[in-house]
N, C-alpha and C. Protein backbone atom coordinates (compact mmCIF):
# COMPACT_ATOMS: atom_id res chain seq x y z
N MET A 1 119.48 53.83 126.78
CA MET A 1 120.76 53.18 127.02
C MET A 1 120.94 53.11 128.25
N SER A 2 121.90 51.82 128.64
CA SER A 2 122.24 51.92 130.10
C SER A 2 123.70 51.83 130.26
N LYS A 3 123.99 52.03 131.48
CA LYS A 3 125.49 52.13 132.17
C LYS A 3 125.81 51.05 132.80
N TYR A 4 126.80 50.53 132.31
CA TYR A 4 127.06 48.81 132.79
C TYR A 4 128.74 49.03 133.28
N LEU A 5 128.92 48.39 134.59
CA LEU A 5 130.01 48.31 135.24
C LEU A 5 130.25 47.05 135.29
N PHE A 6 131.66 46.52 134.70
CA PHE A 6 132.21 44.86 134.74
C PHE A 6 133.27 45.17 135.95
N VAL A 7 133.54 44.24 136.97
CA VAL A 7 134.77 44.25 137.26
C VAL A 7 135.15 42.58 137.37
N THR A 8 136.44 42.54 136.73
CA THR A 8 136.64 41.19 136.27
C THR A 8 137.93 40.94 137.45
N ALA A 9 138.24 39.68 137.86
CA ALA A 9 139.23 39.46 138.66
C ALA A 9 139.95 38.27 138.20
N HIS A 10 140.91 38.17 137.33
CA HIS A 10 141.76 37.06 136.92
C HIS A 10 143.16 37.82 136.26
N PRO A 11 143.96 36.91 136.96
CA PRO A 11 145.16 37.68 136.50
C PRO A 11 145.77 37.20 134.85
N GLU A 12 145.22 36.34 134.28
CA GLU A 12 145.87 36.00 133.07
C GLU A 12 144.80 36.66 131.85
N PRO A 13 145.39 37.64 131.02
CA PRO A 13 144.66 38.08 130.12
C PRO A 13 143.81 37.40 128.98
N GLY A 14 144.61 36.35 128.70
CA GLY A 14 144.00 35.41 127.66
C GLY A 14 143.29 34.49 128.39
N SER A 15 142.71 34.35 129.72
CA SER A 15 141.93 33.63 130.34
C SER A 15 140.18 33.58 129.49
N PHE A 16 139.47 32.80 129.85
CA PHE A 16 138.17 32.53 129.43
C PHE A 16 137.47 33.69 130.26
N ASN A 17 138.12 34.15 131.50
CA ASN A 17 137.20 35.01 132.29
C ASN A 17 137.30 36.46 131.56
N HIS A 18 138.50 36.60 130.61
CA HIS A 18 138.63 38.00 129.96
C HIS A 18 137.75 37.94 128.96
N ALA A 19 138.01 36.58 128.26
CA ALA A 19 136.91 36.48 126.91
C ALA A 19 135.70 36.86 127.16
N LEU A 20 135.24 36.23 128.18
CA LEU A 20 133.49 36.64 128.72
C LEU A 20 133.50 38.06 129.01
N THR A 21 134.51 38.74 129.39
CA THR A 21 134.04 40.19 129.75
C THR A 21 134.18 40.84 128.24
N SER A 22 135.15 40.62 127.52
CA SER A 22 135.41 41.25 126.01
C SER A 22 134.12 40.99 125.49
N GLU A 23 133.79 40.00 125.34
CA GLU A 23 132.17 39.73 124.66
C GLU A 23 131.32 40.39 124.98
N ALA A 24 131.38 40.51 126.48
CA ALA A 24 129.98 41.43 126.85
C ALA A 24 130.17 42.76 126.35
N LEU A 25 131.27 43.53 126.54
CA LEU A 25 131.97 44.61 126.07
C LEU A 25 131.45 45.01 124.85
N ALA A 26 131.83 44.28 124.01
CA ALA A 26 131.75 44.07 122.50
C ALA A 26 130.24 44.43 122.16
N CYS A 27 129.37 43.61 122.69
CA CYS A 27 128.12 43.57 122.65
C CYS A 27 127.16 44.64 123.04
N LEU A 28 127.82 45.12 124.39
CA LEU A 28 127.10 46.13 125.00
C LEU A 28 127.39 47.70 123.98
N ARG A 29 128.71 47.98 123.40
CA ARG A 29 129.09 48.76 122.87
C ARG A 29 128.23 48.97 121.46
N LEU A 30 128.18 47.89 121.27
CA LEU A 30 127.50 47.90 119.71
C LEU A 30 126.06 48.05 119.64
N GLN A 31 125.40 47.76 120.79
CA GLN A 31 124.03 48.40 121.05
C GLN A 31 123.61 49.85 121.54
N GLY A 32 124.75 50.33 121.67
CA GLY A 32 125.20 52.00 122.11
C GLY A 32 125.13 52.13 123.42
N HIS A 33 125.25 51.17 124.36
CA HIS A 33 125.19 51.33 125.79
C HIS A 33 126.20 51.67 126.14
N GLN A 34 126.97 52.27 127.45
CA GLN A 34 127.94 52.66 127.83
C GLN A 34 128.61 51.87 129.11
N VAL A 35 129.66 51.62 128.86
CA VAL A 35 130.29 50.70 129.77
C VAL A 35 131.85 51.24 130.43
N GLU A 36 131.94 50.73 131.79
CA GLU A 36 133.17 50.76 132.72
C GLU A 36 133.76 49.46 132.65
N HIS A 37 134.91 49.33 132.74
CA HIS A 37 135.59 48.02 132.81
C HIS A 37 136.85 48.02 134.30
N SER A 38 136.53 47.27 135.20
CA SER A 38 137.37 47.51 136.29
C SER A 38 138.07 46.22 136.29
N ASP A 39 139.35 45.99 135.48
CA ASP A 39 140.05 45.06 135.45
C ASP A 39 141.11 45.10 136.51
N LEU A 40 140.64 44.35 137.79
CA LEU A 40 141.84 44.12 139.07
C LEU A 40 143.21 44.33 139.25
N CYS A 41 143.31 43.05 138.35
CA CYS A 41 144.77 42.31 138.07
C CYS A 41 145.30 43.44 137.48
N ALA A 42 144.94 44.02 136.37
CA ALA A 42 145.83 44.92 135.55
C ALA A 42 145.88 46.34 136.15
N MET A 43 144.85 46.44 136.90
CA MET A 43 145.24 47.82 138.10
C MET A 43 145.92 47.42 139.12
N GLN A 44 146.37 46.28 139.38
CA GLN A 44 147.33 45.85 140.29
C GLN A 44 146.58 46.36 141.93
N TRP A 45 145.40 45.94 142.10
CA TRP A 45 144.30 46.49 143.22
C TRP A 45 144.88 45.87 144.47
N GLN A 46 144.92 47.05 145.29
CA GLN A 46 145.51 46.24 146.63
C GLN A 46 144.35 45.68 147.39
N PRO A 47 144.47 44.66 147.92
CA PRO A 47 142.73 44.11 148.31
C PRO A 47 142.82 44.08 149.95
N VAL A 48 143.77 44.73 150.59
CA VAL A 48 143.75 44.90 152.02
C VAL A 48 143.12 46.23 152.34
N ALA A 49 142.08 46.29 153.13
CA ALA A 49 141.87 47.37 153.64
C ALA A 49 142.72 47.88 154.52
N ASP A 50 143.13 49.26 154.83
CA ASP A 50 143.79 49.90 155.87
C ASP A 50 143.85 51.66 155.61
N ARG A 51 144.79 52.41 156.40
CA ARG A 51 144.69 53.24 156.63
C ARG A 51 144.68 54.00 155.36
N ARG A 52 145.55 53.29 154.45
CA ARG A 52 145.92 53.85 153.06
C ARG A 52 144.65 54.19 152.44
N ASP A 53 143.51 53.80 152.75
CA ASP A 53 141.84 54.01 152.18
C ASP A 53 141.60 55.18 152.01
N PHE A 54 142.21 56.08 153.13
CA PHE A 54 141.98 57.42 153.72
C PHE A 54 142.98 58.59 153.39
N THR A 55 142.58 59.80 153.18
CA THR A 55 143.03 60.95 153.48
C THR A 55 142.70 61.71 154.52
N THR A 56 141.70 61.28 155.31
CA THR A 56 141.29 61.52 156.53
C THR A 56 141.65 60.68 157.46
N VAL A 57 141.41 61.53 159.05
CA VAL A 57 141.94 60.60 160.10
C VAL A 57 141.11 60.84 161.30
N PHE A 58 140.13 59.64 161.83
CA PHE A 58 139.19 59.98 162.46
C PHE A 58 139.66 59.68 164.26
N ASP A 59 140.38 58.57 164.03
CA ASP A 59 141.23 58.31 165.39
C ASP A 59 142.35 57.81 165.17
N ALA A 60 143.64 58.70 165.36
CA ALA A 60 144.86 58.30 164.99
C ALA A 60 145.50 56.89 165.94
N SER A 61 145.08 56.97 167.00
CA SER A 61 145.29 55.71 168.23
C SER A 61 144.98 54.51 168.17
N TYR A 62 143.58 54.41 167.15
CA TYR A 62 142.97 52.81 167.08
C TYR A 62 142.21 53.14 165.99
N TYR A 63 142.69 51.88 165.07
CA TYR A 63 142.16 51.74 163.69
C TYR A 63 140.51 51.11 163.84
N LYS A 64 139.44 51.60 163.59
CA LYS A 64 138.28 50.89 163.13
C LYS A 64 137.69 51.43 161.93
N GLN A 65 137.65 50.28 161.05
CA GLN A 65 137.47 50.39 159.27
C GLN A 65 135.99 51.24 159.27
N GLN A 66 135.10 50.37 160.23
CA GLN A 66 133.93 51.57 159.58
C GLN A 66 133.69 52.83 160.10
N ARG A 67 134.53 52.97 161.25
CA ARG A 67 134.29 54.57 161.76
C ARG A 67 135.28 55.34 160.97
N GLU A 68 136.39 55.02 160.17
CA GLU A 68 136.97 55.62 159.45
C GLU A 68 136.17 56.40 157.88
N GLU A 69 135.84 55.19 157.67
CA GLU A 69 134.60 54.91 156.33
C GLU A 69 133.79 56.22 156.81
N LEU A 70 132.76 55.94 157.90
CA LEU A 70 131.88 57.12 158.06
C LEU A 70 132.60 58.64 158.16
N TYR A 71 133.78 58.36 158.91
CA TYR A 71 134.47 59.83 159.16
C TYR A 71 134.56 60.44 157.28
N ALA A 72 135.29 59.51 156.56
CA ALA A 72 135.88 60.09 155.32
C ALA A 72 134.90 60.21 154.43
N SER A 73 133.39 59.52 154.71
CA SER A 73 132.42 59.85 153.77
C SER A 73 131.37 61.12 154.40
N GLU A 74 131.51 61.63 155.49
CA GLU A 74 131.24 63.00 155.77
C GLU A 74 132.34 63.93 155.34
N HIS A 75 133.55 63.71 155.19
CA HIS A 75 134.48 64.64 155.14
C HIS A 75 135.33 64.63 153.60
N ASP A 76 134.77 63.84 152.46
CA ASP A 76 135.13 63.59 151.02
C ASP A 76 136.75 63.22 151.23
N GLY A 77 137.15 61.95 152.40
CA GLY A 77 138.58 61.77 152.80
C GLY A 77 138.85 60.47 152.58
N PHE A 78 138.29 59.80 150.73
CA PHE A 78 138.92 58.57 150.43
C PHE A 78 139.84 58.76 149.17
N ALA A 79 140.95 57.83 149.87
CA ALA A 79 142.16 57.84 148.61
C ALA A 79 141.70 57.58 147.03
N PRO A 80 142.06 58.13 146.07
CA PRO A 80 141.54 58.65 144.74
C PRO A 80 141.01 57.17 144.43
N GLU A 81 141.98 56.32 144.61
CA GLU A 81 141.37 54.66 143.69
C GLU A 81 140.06 54.52 144.56
N ILE A 82 139.96 54.92 145.74
CA ILE A 82 138.58 54.09 146.41
C ILE A 82 137.28 55.08 145.66
N LYS A 83 137.83 56.08 145.51
CA LYS A 83 136.78 57.48 145.27
C LYS A 83 136.27 57.11 143.73
N ALA A 84 137.38 56.67 143.24
CA ALA A 84 137.18 56.07 141.61
C ALA A 84 136.06 55.45 141.48
N GLU A 85 136.64 54.15 142.24
CA GLU A 85 135.73 53.04 141.71
C GLU A 85 134.00 53.41 142.47
N ILE A 86 134.12 54.01 143.77
CA ILE A 86 132.71 54.48 144.18
C ILE A 86 131.99 55.21 143.48
N GLU A 87 132.81 56.03 142.75
CA GLU A 87 131.81 56.83 141.59
C GLU A 87 131.48 55.98 140.72
N LYS A 88 131.98 54.93 140.07
CA LYS A 88 131.39 54.06 139.05
C LYS A 88 130.24 53.19 139.71
N LEU A 89 130.22 52.75 141.12
CA LEU A 89 129.09 52.18 141.62
C LEU A 89 127.77 52.85 141.22
N PHE A 90 127.78 54.23 141.56
CA PHE A 90 126.93 55.15 141.86
C PHE A 90 126.52 55.83 140.33
N TRP A 91 127.47 55.41 139.32
CA TRP A 91 127.12 55.65 137.70
C TRP A 91 126.63 54.55 137.25
N CYS A 92 126.80 53.48 137.39
CA CYS A 92 126.41 52.19 136.52
C CYS A 92 124.70 52.40 136.99
N ASP A 93 123.98 51.62 135.92
CA ASP A 93 122.64 50.99 136.23
C ASP A 93 122.95 49.46 136.58
N VAL A 94 124.07 48.70 135.86
CA VAL A 94 124.20 47.26 135.80
C VAL A 94 125.34 47.14 136.34
N MET A 95 125.88 46.07 137.21
CA MET A 95 126.81 45.55 137.77
C MET A 95 127.48 44.08 137.47
N VAL A 96 128.58 43.94 136.81
CA VAL A 96 128.70 42.29 136.62
C VAL A 96 130.06 42.23 137.53
N LEU A 97 130.19 41.03 138.30
CA LEU A 97 131.31 40.51 138.75
C LEU A 97 131.95 39.28 138.20
N GLN A 98 133.05 39.42 137.37
CA GLN A 98 133.22 38.64 136.57
C GLN A 98 134.63 37.66 137.37
N PHE A 99 134.67 36.63 137.68
CA PHE A 99 135.87 35.71 138.39
C PHE A 99 135.86 34.28 138.28
N PRO A 100 136.76 33.42 138.58
CA PRO A 100 136.64 32.04 138.32
C PRO A 100 136.47 31.70 140.13
N LEU A 101 135.78 30.87 140.40
CA LEU A 101 135.25 30.20 141.61
C LEU A 101 136.84 29.63 142.07
N TRP A 102 137.13 30.11 143.01
CA TRP A 102 138.34 30.00 143.76
C TRP A 102 137.96 29.64 145.15
N TRP A 103 138.49 28.32 145.78
CA TRP A 103 137.95 27.89 147.10
C TRP A 103 136.59 28.22 147.58
N PHE A 104 135.51 27.91 146.45
CA PHE A 104 134.39 28.25 147.01
C PHE A 104 133.68 29.45 146.88
N GLY A 105 134.37 30.67 146.36
CA GLY A 105 134.18 31.86 146.42
C GLY A 105 135.07 32.89 145.70
N MET A 106 135.34 34.02 145.92
CA MET A 106 135.83 35.17 144.94
C MET A 106 137.06 35.03 145.33
N PRO A 107 138.10 35.37 144.29
CA PRO A 107 139.38 35.66 144.50
C PRO A 107 139.87 36.85 145.31
N ALA A 108 140.79 36.75 146.29
CA ALA A 108 141.15 37.67 147.37
C ALA A 108 141.00 39.05 146.47
N ILE A 109 141.51 39.16 145.53
CA ILE A 109 141.42 40.43 145.07
C ILE A 109 140.22 41.48 144.59
N LEU A 110 139.42 40.59 144.39
CA LEU A 110 137.64 40.72 144.15
C LEU A 110 137.21 41.20 145.56
N LYS A 111 137.48 39.92 146.83
CA LYS A 111 136.73 40.49 147.60
C LYS A 111 137.40 41.55 148.64
N GLY A 112 138.64 41.68 148.15
CA GLY A 112 139.25 42.98 148.91
C GLY A 112 138.64 44.28 148.14
N TRP A 113 138.52 44.38 146.82
CA TRP A 113 137.41 45.11 146.14
C TRP A 113 136.39 45.71 146.59
N VAL A 114 135.54 44.71 147.30
CA VAL A 114 134.48 44.85 147.67
C VAL A 114 134.76 45.54 149.32
N ASP A 115 135.56 44.99 149.99
CA ASP A 115 135.96 45.42 151.26
C ASP A 115 136.36 47.05 151.42
N ARG A 116 137.05 46.94 149.93
CA ARG A 116 137.82 48.72 150.22
C ARG A 116 136.31 49.63 149.80
N VAL A 117 135.54 49.40 148.46
CA VAL A 117 134.93 50.33 148.03
C VAL A 117 133.50 50.26 148.44
N PHE A 118 133.09 49.05 149.15
CA PHE A 118 131.75 49.53 149.53
C PHE A 118 131.86 49.66 151.15
N VAL A 119 131.72 51.23 151.40
CA VAL A 119 131.93 51.65 152.32
C VAL A 119 130.62 52.19 153.19
N MET A 120 131.00 51.81 154.57
CA MET A 120 129.99 52.67 155.31
C MET A 120 129.69 54.01 155.51
N GLY A 121 128.57 54.45 155.31
CA GLY A 121 128.23 55.82 155.41
C GLY A 121 128.09 56.34 153.88
N LYS A 122 128.92 56.33 153.12
CA LYS A 122 128.65 56.75 151.66
C LYS A 122 127.66 55.76 150.77
N ILE A 123 127.83 54.18 151.04
CA ILE A 123 127.15 53.27 150.64
C ILE A 123 126.30 52.64 151.19
N TYR A 124 126.42 52.45 152.61
CA TYR A 124 125.41 51.48 153.39
C TYR A 124 125.55 52.16 155.13
N GLY A 125 124.79 51.36 155.72
CA GLY A 125 124.51 51.93 157.03
C GLY A 125 123.57 53.02 157.14
N GLN A 126 123.24 53.96 158.42
CA GLN A 126 122.72 54.87 158.58
C GLN A 126 121.22 54.50 157.75
N GLY A 127 120.69 53.34 157.86
CA GLY A 127 119.35 53.44 157.60
C GLY A 127 119.27 52.93 156.00
N LYS A 128 120.32 52.82 155.25
CA LYS A 128 120.72 52.28 153.88
C LYS A 128 121.14 51.28 153.76
N TRP A 129 120.16 50.02 153.46
CA TRP A 129 120.09 48.72 153.56
C TRP A 129 118.98 48.04 152.65
N TYR A 130 119.39 46.85 151.92
CA TYR A 130 117.55 46.10 151.21
C TYR A 130 117.24 47.35 150.32
N GLU A 131 115.45 46.84 150.92
CA GLU A 131 114.78 48.00 150.37
C GLU A 131 115.30 49.44 150.44
N THR A 132 115.79 49.74 151.09
CA THR A 132 116.17 51.53 150.97
C THR A 132 117.82 51.55 150.78
N GLY A 133 118.54 50.52 150.17
CA GLY A 133 120.14 50.42 149.88
C GLY A 133 120.22 51.88 148.86
N SER A 134 121.23 51.77 148.72
CA SER A 134 121.86 52.99 147.99
C SER A 134 121.81 52.78 146.72
N PHE A 135 121.76 51.18 146.19
CA PHE A 135 121.50 51.06 144.61
C PHE A 135 120.10 50.29 144.23
N ARG A 136 119.13 50.73 145.17
CA ARG A 136 117.86 50.26 144.78
C ARG A 136 117.58 50.91 143.07
N GLY A 137 117.19 49.95 142.21
CA GLY A 137 116.65 50.35 140.97
C GLY A 137 117.69 49.82 140.42
N LYS A 138 119.07 49.38 140.80
CA LYS A 138 119.91 49.07 139.95
C LYS A 138 120.12 47.39 139.80
N LYS A 139 120.78 46.71 139.06
CA LYS A 139 120.89 45.04 139.04
C LYS A 139 122.41 44.90 139.16
N ALA A 140 122.25 43.70 139.52
CA ALA A 140 123.79 43.18 139.68
C ALA A 140 123.69 41.60 139.22
N MET A 141 124.90 41.06 138.96
CA MET A 141 124.79 39.82 138.48
C MET A 141 126.29 39.38 138.20
N VAL A 142 126.42 37.89 138.36
CA VAL A 142 127.55 37.28 138.63
C VAL A 142 127.53 36.61 137.55
N SER A 143 128.90 36.68 136.78
CA SER A 143 129.39 35.69 136.01
C SER A 143 130.87 35.13 136.46
N VAL A 144 130.51 33.67 136.29
CA VAL A 144 131.59 32.66 137.28
C VAL A 144 132.00 31.32 136.12
N THR A 145 133.45 31.05 136.43
CA THR A 145 134.01 29.83 135.48
C THR A 145 134.43 28.73 137.03
N THR A 146 134.27 27.53 136.42
CA THR A 146 134.75 26.97 137.35
C THR A 146 135.40 25.68 136.78
N GLY A 147 136.33 24.96 137.67
CA GLY A 147 136.78 24.24 137.36
C GLY A 147 136.25 22.74 137.11
N SER A 148 135.34 22.36 137.83
CA SER A 148 134.52 21.21 138.12
C SER A 148 133.56 21.30 137.15
N GLY A 149 132.82 19.94 136.99
CA GLY A 149 131.50 19.87 136.12
C GLY A 149 130.30 20.35 136.86
N LYS A 150 129.10 20.48 136.42
CA LYS A 150 127.89 20.94 137.10
C LYS A 150 127.38 19.77 137.75
N HIS A 151 127.89 18.74 137.43
CA HIS A 151 127.29 17.47 137.92
C HIS A 151 127.81 17.09 139.45
N LEU A 152 128.88 18.01 139.62
CA LEU A 152 129.53 17.91 141.26
C LEU A 152 128.87 18.92 141.98
N PHE A 153 128.00 19.69 141.44
CA PHE A 153 127.28 20.79 142.47
C PHE A 153 126.10 20.32 142.59
N GLY A 154 125.46 20.49 144.39
CA GLY A 154 124.29 20.46 144.54
C GLY A 154 123.94 18.96 144.54
N GLU A 155 122.62 18.56 144.51
CA GLU A 155 122.23 17.13 145.29
C GLU A 155 123.12 16.08 144.45
N GLY A 156 123.58 14.98 145.06
CA GLY A 156 124.29 14.13 144.55
C GLY A 156 125.73 14.29 144.17
N GLY A 157 126.05 15.74 144.27
CA GLY A 157 127.32 15.96 143.95
C GLY A 157 128.58 15.96 145.34
N LEU A 158 129.64 16.50 144.79
CA LEU A 158 130.62 16.53 146.36
C LEU A 158 130.35 17.80 146.56
N HIS A 159 129.94 18.70 146.15
CA HIS A 159 129.74 20.30 146.42
C HIS A 159 128.64 20.72 146.49
N PRO A 160 128.43 21.67 147.42
CA PRO A 160 127.14 22.48 147.51
C PRO A 160 126.50 22.75 146.53
N PRO A 161 125.46 23.59 146.22
CA PRO A 161 124.90 23.91 145.00
C PRO A 161 125.58 25.13 144.69
N MET A 162 125.59 25.48 143.44
CA MET A 162 125.97 27.14 143.35
C MET A 162 125.43 28.13 144.02
N GLU A 163 123.88 28.06 143.82
CA GLU A 163 123.20 29.09 144.52
C GLU A 163 123.66 29.28 145.91
N THR A 164 124.10 28.21 146.63
CA THR A 164 124.67 27.87 148.17
C THR A 164 125.74 29.18 148.35
N LEU A 165 126.88 28.57 147.20
CA LEU A 165 127.84 29.03 147.04
C LEU A 165 128.03 30.69 146.74
N LEU A 166 127.18 30.96 146.22
CA LEU A 166 127.03 32.53 145.77
C LEU A 166 126.02 33.28 146.66
N LEU A 167 125.56 32.64 147.63
CA LEU A 167 124.66 33.38 148.65
C LEU A 167 125.36 34.33 149.18
N PRO A 168 126.49 34.45 149.76
CA PRO A 168 127.28 35.78 150.37
C PRO A 168 127.47 36.76 149.36
N ILE A 169 127.37 36.75 148.32
CA ILE A 169 127.64 37.77 147.22
C ILE A 169 125.99 38.14 146.73
N HIS A 170 124.90 37.37 146.52
CA HIS A 170 124.33 37.52 146.07
C HIS A 170 123.04 38.41 147.27
N HIS A 171 123.25 37.71 148.41
CA HIS A 171 122.32 38.51 149.41
C HIS A 171 123.21 39.51 150.35
N GLY A 172 124.50 39.09 150.66
CA GLY A 172 125.30 40.04 151.41
C GLY A 172 125.77 41.15 150.53
N ILE A 173 126.10 41.18 149.29
CA ILE A 173 126.58 42.26 148.68
C ILE A 173 125.54 42.86 147.99
N PHE A 174 125.00 42.17 147.13
CA PHE A 174 124.28 42.99 146.01
C PHE A 174 122.70 43.05 147.04
N ARG A 175 121.76 42.36 147.29
CA ARG A 175 120.73 42.67 148.01
C ARG A 175 120.83 43.85 148.95
N PHE A 176 121.47 43.20 150.19
CA PHE A 176 121.80 44.20 151.11
C PHE A 176 122.19 45.66 150.35
N ASN A 177 122.61 45.70 149.42
CA ASN A 177 122.82 47.61 149.23
C ASN A 177 121.72 47.89 148.25
N GLY A 178 120.79 47.06 147.78
CA GLY A 178 120.03 47.65 147.22
C GLY A 178 119.48 46.90 145.63
N PHE A 179 120.65 46.50 145.24
CA PHE A 179 120.67 45.90 144.15
C PHE A 179 119.61 44.87 143.85
N GLU A 180 118.80 44.66 142.63
CA GLU A 180 118.07 43.11 142.22
C GLU A 180 119.30 42.50 141.59
N VAL A 181 119.24 41.22 142.08
CA VAL A 181 120.00 39.85 141.89
C VAL A 181 119.33 39.73 140.50
N LEU A 182 120.44 39.47 139.60
CA LEU A 182 119.97 38.96 138.30
C LEU A 182 120.69 37.48 138.26
N GLU A 183 119.92 36.60 137.58
CA GLU A 183 120.44 35.07 137.69
C GLU A 183 122.08 34.98 137.31
N PRO A 184 122.68 34.25 138.19
CA PRO A 184 124.15 34.30 137.29
C PRO A 184 124.39 33.34 135.85
N PHE A 185 125.57 33.69 135.47
CA PHE A 185 125.89 33.14 134.26
C PHE A 185 127.12 31.88 134.86
N VAL A 186 126.98 30.72 134.80
CA VAL A 186 128.10 29.70 135.28
C VAL A 186 128.87 29.26 133.78
N ALA A 187 130.02 29.02 133.94
CA ALA A 187 130.68 28.46 132.77
C ALA A 187 131.61 27.58 133.38
N TRP A 188 130.83 26.38 133.13
CA TRP A 188 131.07 24.83 133.83
C TRP A 188 132.48 24.47 133.10
N GLN A 189 133.61 23.99 133.87
CA GLN A 189 134.88 23.38 133.84
C GLN A 189 135.48 23.76 132.78
N VAL A 190 135.61 25.15 132.27
CA VAL A 190 136.05 25.87 131.08
C VAL A 190 137.08 25.19 130.56
N ALA A 191 138.06 24.91 131.30
CA ALA A 191 139.62 24.36 130.98
C ALA A 191 139.36 22.65 130.71
N HIS A 192 138.34 22.31 130.73
CA HIS A 192 138.10 20.95 129.79
C HIS A 192 137.29 21.06 128.62
N LEU A 193 136.82 22.32 127.91
CA LEU A 193 135.93 22.11 126.96
C LEU A 193 136.68 22.20 125.93
N THR A 194 136.22 22.13 124.86
CA THR A 194 136.89 22.53 123.30
C THR A 194 136.35 23.59 122.98
N ASP A 195 137.42 24.11 121.92
CA ASP A 195 137.43 25.34 121.40
C ASP A 195 135.83 25.68 121.28
N GLU A 196 135.04 24.86 120.16
CA GLU A 196 133.81 25.09 119.71
C GLU A 196 133.01 25.20 121.15
N GLU A 197 133.10 24.48 122.11
CA GLU A 197 132.14 24.27 123.32
C GLU A 197 132.17 25.98 124.07
N ARG A 198 133.32 26.31 123.79
CA ARG A 198 133.76 27.88 124.69
C ARG A 198 133.08 28.75 123.51
N LYS A 199 133.36 28.49 122.43
CA LYS A 199 132.71 29.45 121.25
C LYS A 199 130.97 29.61 121.80
N GLN A 200 130.76 28.40 121.76
CA GLN A 200 129.31 28.49 122.18
C GLN A 200 128.65 29.00 123.80
N LEU A 201 129.39 28.97 124.77
CA LEU A 201 129.64 29.52 125.80
C LEU A 201 129.53 31.35 125.62
N LEU A 202 130.40 31.77 124.88
CA LEU A 202 130.55 32.68 124.95
C LEU A 202 129.31 33.84 124.07
N HIS A 203 128.67 32.85 122.99
CA HIS A 203 127.44 32.96 122.43
C HIS A 203 126.47 33.12 123.26
N GLN A 204 126.24 32.06 124.33
CA GLN A 204 124.94 32.26 125.35
C GLN A 204 125.34 33.14 126.20
N TYR A 205 126.63 33.86 126.64
CA TYR A 205 126.61 34.83 127.49
C TYR A 205 126.59 36.05 126.90
N ARG A 206 126.64 36.31 125.48
CA ARG A 206 126.62 37.56 124.67
C ARG A 206 124.97 37.95 124.67
N GLU A 207 124.39 36.89 124.69
CA GLU A 207 122.71 36.82 124.41
C GLU A 207 122.26 37.20 125.89
N LYS A 208 123.00 36.60 127.22
CA LYS A 208 122.20 36.83 128.45
C LYS A 208 122.53 38.30 128.45
N ILE A 209 123.58 38.46 128.03
CA ILE A 209 124.00 40.34 128.27
C ILE A 209 123.15 40.97 127.75
N ALA A 210 122.90 40.78 126.41
CA ALA A 210 122.05 41.55 125.30
C ALA A 210 120.48 41.77 126.13
N ALA A 211 120.20 40.45 126.84
CA ALA A 211 118.95 40.83 127.01
C ALA A 211 118.50 41.32 128.43
N ILE A 212 119.57 41.79 129.12
CA ILE A 212 119.30 42.55 130.84
C ILE A 212 118.85 43.56 130.44
N GLY A 213 118.96 44.68 129.24
CA GLY A 213 118.69 46.06 128.95
C GLY A 213 117.02 45.73 128.92
């Protein structure tokens, strides 16, 4: 059995993003897998990285994020909420980021989760990246919803291809830290779908999640 971490970034509990996560959690629990869910909006996650992230201080006169992270990594100096999320990353076998596409990227709360939790020293740096990354052997996936249809992305459309938009996540977060990058799940223009079409998407997502293990 495997261990899954879902990180969801949507402020509305009744949203399709939360429906996708709920579908995945139910499927995995039924299969006997272990799951953790970081619902960032419900947690009222603070997205801004600053001195509040640490219980230690390397330089009180000048704040440099990475240097404070290195020092905290060496002296167990992370704030409790940061430490808890770091532990989830090392615990899981598979991580799934669930979010709506806002301004061609992640909502700020999710980017802030990455900024604060993927810390230098404990997770990356000092020779830990790509093939030697801390999370080699683990898998990571994006599940994203859009407001526009698939035909508007890529060749002939108004917007860049989805794979281009997700490159900073797939390469800069997942691969950089050693994760194997799984094919994303994209729920196109969910606000314009019928209830039956949404049910079909939930079924497709359930099958995709079930196949990961």
